[in-house]
C-alpha atoms as a PDB file:
ATOM      1  CA  MET A   1      -1.755 -13.368  17.402  1.00  0.00           C
ATOM      2  CA  SER A   2       1.761 -13.088  16.194  1.00  0.00           C
ATOM      3  CA  ALA A   3       3.850 -10.003  16.803  1.00  0.00           C
ATOM      4  CA  ARG A   4       3.585 -10.087  12.819  1.00  0.00           C
ATOM      5  CA  THR A   5       0.065  -8.566  12.942  1.00  0.00           C
ATOM      6  CA  ASN A   6       1.692  -5.390  12.003  1.00  0.00           C
ATOM      7  CA  ARG A   7       2.100  -6.058   8.756  1.00  0.00           C
ATOM      8  CA  VAL A   8      -1.212  -6.117   7.971  1.00  0.00           C
ATOM      9  CA  GLY A   9      -2.018  -3.852   5.236  1.00  0.00           C
ATOM     10  CA  SER A  10       1.307  -3.760   3.592  1.00  0.00           C
ATOM     11  CA  LEU A  11       2.230  -4.889   0.395  1.00  0.00           C
ATOM     12  CA  MET A  12       4.629  -8.183   0.353  1.00  0.00           C
ATOM     13  CA  ARG A  13       5.724 -10.689  -2.562  1.00  0.00           C
ATOM     14  CA  ASP A  14       5.086 -14.164  -1.827  1.00  0.00           C
ATOM     15  CA  THR A  15       8.537 -15.906  -3.329  1.00  0.00           C
ATOM     16  CA  ARG A  16       6.959 -19.372  -3.358  1.00  0.00           C
ATOM     17  CA  LYS A  17       3.977 -18.277  -5.578  1.00  0.00           C
ATOM     18  CA  ASP A  18       5.848 -15.304  -7.508  1.00  0.00           C
ATOM     19  CA  ARG A  19       3.299 -12.992  -6.616  1.00  0.00           C
ATOM     20  CA  VAL A  20       2.497  -9.654  -5.225  1.00  0.00           C
ATOM     21  CA  GLY A  21      -0.193  -9.022  -2.519  1.00  0.00           C
ATOM     22  CA  VAL A  22      -1.361  -6.715   0.259  1.00  0.00           C
ATOM     23  CA  VAL A  23      -1.688  -8.595   3.693  1.00  0.00           C
ATOM     24  CA  MET A  24      -5.309  -8.859   4.381  1.00  0.00           C
ATOM     25  CA  GLY A  25      -4.374 -11.077   7.741  1.00  0.00           C
ATOM     26  CA  GLU A  26      -3.313 -14.031   9.767  1.00  0.00           C
ATOM     27  CA  LEU A  27      -4.984 -16.933  10.905  1.00  0.00           C
ATOM     28  CA  ALA A  28      -3.835 -20.222  12.359  1.00  0.00           C
ATOM     29  CA  GLY A  29       0.132 -19.616  10.734  1.00  0.00           C
ATOM     30  CA  SER A  30      -1.552 -18.686   7.380  1.00  0.00           C
ATOM     31  CA  VAL A  31      -1.024 -15.290   6.014  1.00  0.00           C
ATOM     32  CA  TYR A  32      -3.888 -14.022   3.841  1.00  0.00           C
ATOM     33  CA  LEU A  33      -3.072 -11.772   0.956  1.00  0.00           C
ATOM     34  CA  ARG A  34      -5.241 -10.348  -1.837  1.00  0.00           C
ATOM     35  CA  PRO A  35      -3.699  -9.084  -5.563  1.00  0.00           C
ATOM     36  CA  VAL A  36      -2.856  -5.392  -5.521  1.00  0.00           C
ATOM     37  CA  GLY A  37      -5.660  -4.649  -8.206  1.00  0.00           C
ATOM     38  CA  GLY A  38      -8.051  -6.376  -6.481  1.00  0.00           C
ATOM     39  CA  GLY A  39      -8.960 -10.385  -6.996  1.00  0.00           C
ATOM     40  CA  ARG A  40      -9.125 -13.285  -5.013  1.00  0.00           C
ATOM     41  CA  GLU A  41      -7.232 -14.046  -1.650  1.00  0.00           C
ATOM     42  CA  TRP A  42      -4.417 -16.825  -1.369  1.00  0.00           C
ATOM     43  CA  ASP A  43      -2.486 -18.086   1.411  1.00  0.00           C
ATOM     44  CA  SER A  44       1.302 -18.248   2.452  1.00  0.00           C
ATOM     45  CA  ARG A  45       3.546 -18.417   5.385  1.00  0.00           C
ATOM     46  CA  TRP A  46       5.488 -15.596   6.689  1.00  0.00           C
ATOM     47  CA  ALA A  47       8.624 -17.359   5.604  1.00  0.00           C
ATOM     48  CA  ASP A  48       7.630 -17.095   2.169  1.00  0.00           C
ATOM     49  CA  LEU A  49       7.159 -13.535   2.481  1.00  0.00           C
ATOM     50  CA  GLU A  50       9.494 -10.509   1.568  1.00  0.00           C
ATOM     51  CA  PRO A  51       8.792  -6.665   1.688  1.00  0.00           C
ATOM     52  CA  VAL A  52       8.101  -4.640  -1.384  1.00  0.00           C
ATOM     53  CA  SER A  53       9.781  -1.735  -1.761  1.00  0.00           C
ATOM     54  CA  GLU A  54       8.354   1.695  -2.329  1.00  0.00           C
ATOM     55  CA  GLY A  55      10.049   1.907  -5.620  1.00  0.00           C
ATOM     56  CA  THR A  56       8.499  -1.383  -6.919  1.00  0.00           C
ATOM     57  CA  HIS A  57       5.174  -0.296  -5.489  1.00  0.00           C
ATOM     58  CA  ALA A  58       5.108   2.605  -7.387  1.00  0.00           C
ATOM     59  CA  GLN A  59       5.962   0.606 -10.388  1.00  0.00           C
ATOM     60  CA  LEU A  60       3.123  -1.784  -9.670  1.00  0.00           C
ATOM     61  CA  ARG A  61       0.494   0.710  -8.959  1.00  0.00           C
ATOM     62  CA  ALA A  62       1.315   2.189 -12.769  1.00  0.00           C
ATOM     63  CA  ARG A  63       1.240  -1.040 -14.199  1.00  0.00           C
ATOM     64  CA  VAL A  64      -2.308  -1.564 -12.569  1.00  0.00           C
ATOM     65  CA  ALA A  65      -3.286   1.587 -13.510  1.00  0.00           C
ATOM     66  CA  GLU A  66      -2.212   1.040 -17.391  1.00  0.00           C
ATOM     67  CA  LEU A  67      -3.687  -2.813 -17.297  1.00  0.00           C
ATOM     68  CA  ASN A  68      -7.199  -1.121 -15.956  1.00  0.00           C
ATOM     69  CA  ALA A  69      -7.105   1.188 -18.499  1.00  0.00           C
ATOM     70  CA  ALA A  70      -6.582  -1.086 -21.201  1.00  0.00           C
ATOM     71  CA  SER A  71      -9.466  -3.598 -19.972  1.00  0.00           C
ATOM     72  CA  SER A  72     -11.961  -0.755 -20.034  1.00  0.00           C
ATOM     73  CA  GLY A  73     -11.016   0.368 -23.406  1.00  0.00           C
ATOM     74  CA  GLY A  74      -8.780   3.219 -22.475  1.00  0.00           C
ATOM     75  CA  LEU A  75     -11.877   5.241 -20.767  1.00  0.00           C
ATOM     76  CA  LEU A  76      -9.955   5.750 -17.634  1.00  0.00           C
END
């Protein structure tokens, strides 16, 4: 196990794929992330990841809530 496992659960930006996700785990050198609003995991490398700041995280939460409300017809 890598010393980086303490990042499990943290929000990271995959610079190679330009996606943001939550670190779900690490196996054999691959890091597995899941989109903030849920969805299918993807794999990356630690070298391609950078932490997301708290301000950006708050903006993402607000945007996900907005998109969820729009997709449910504004019932949220």
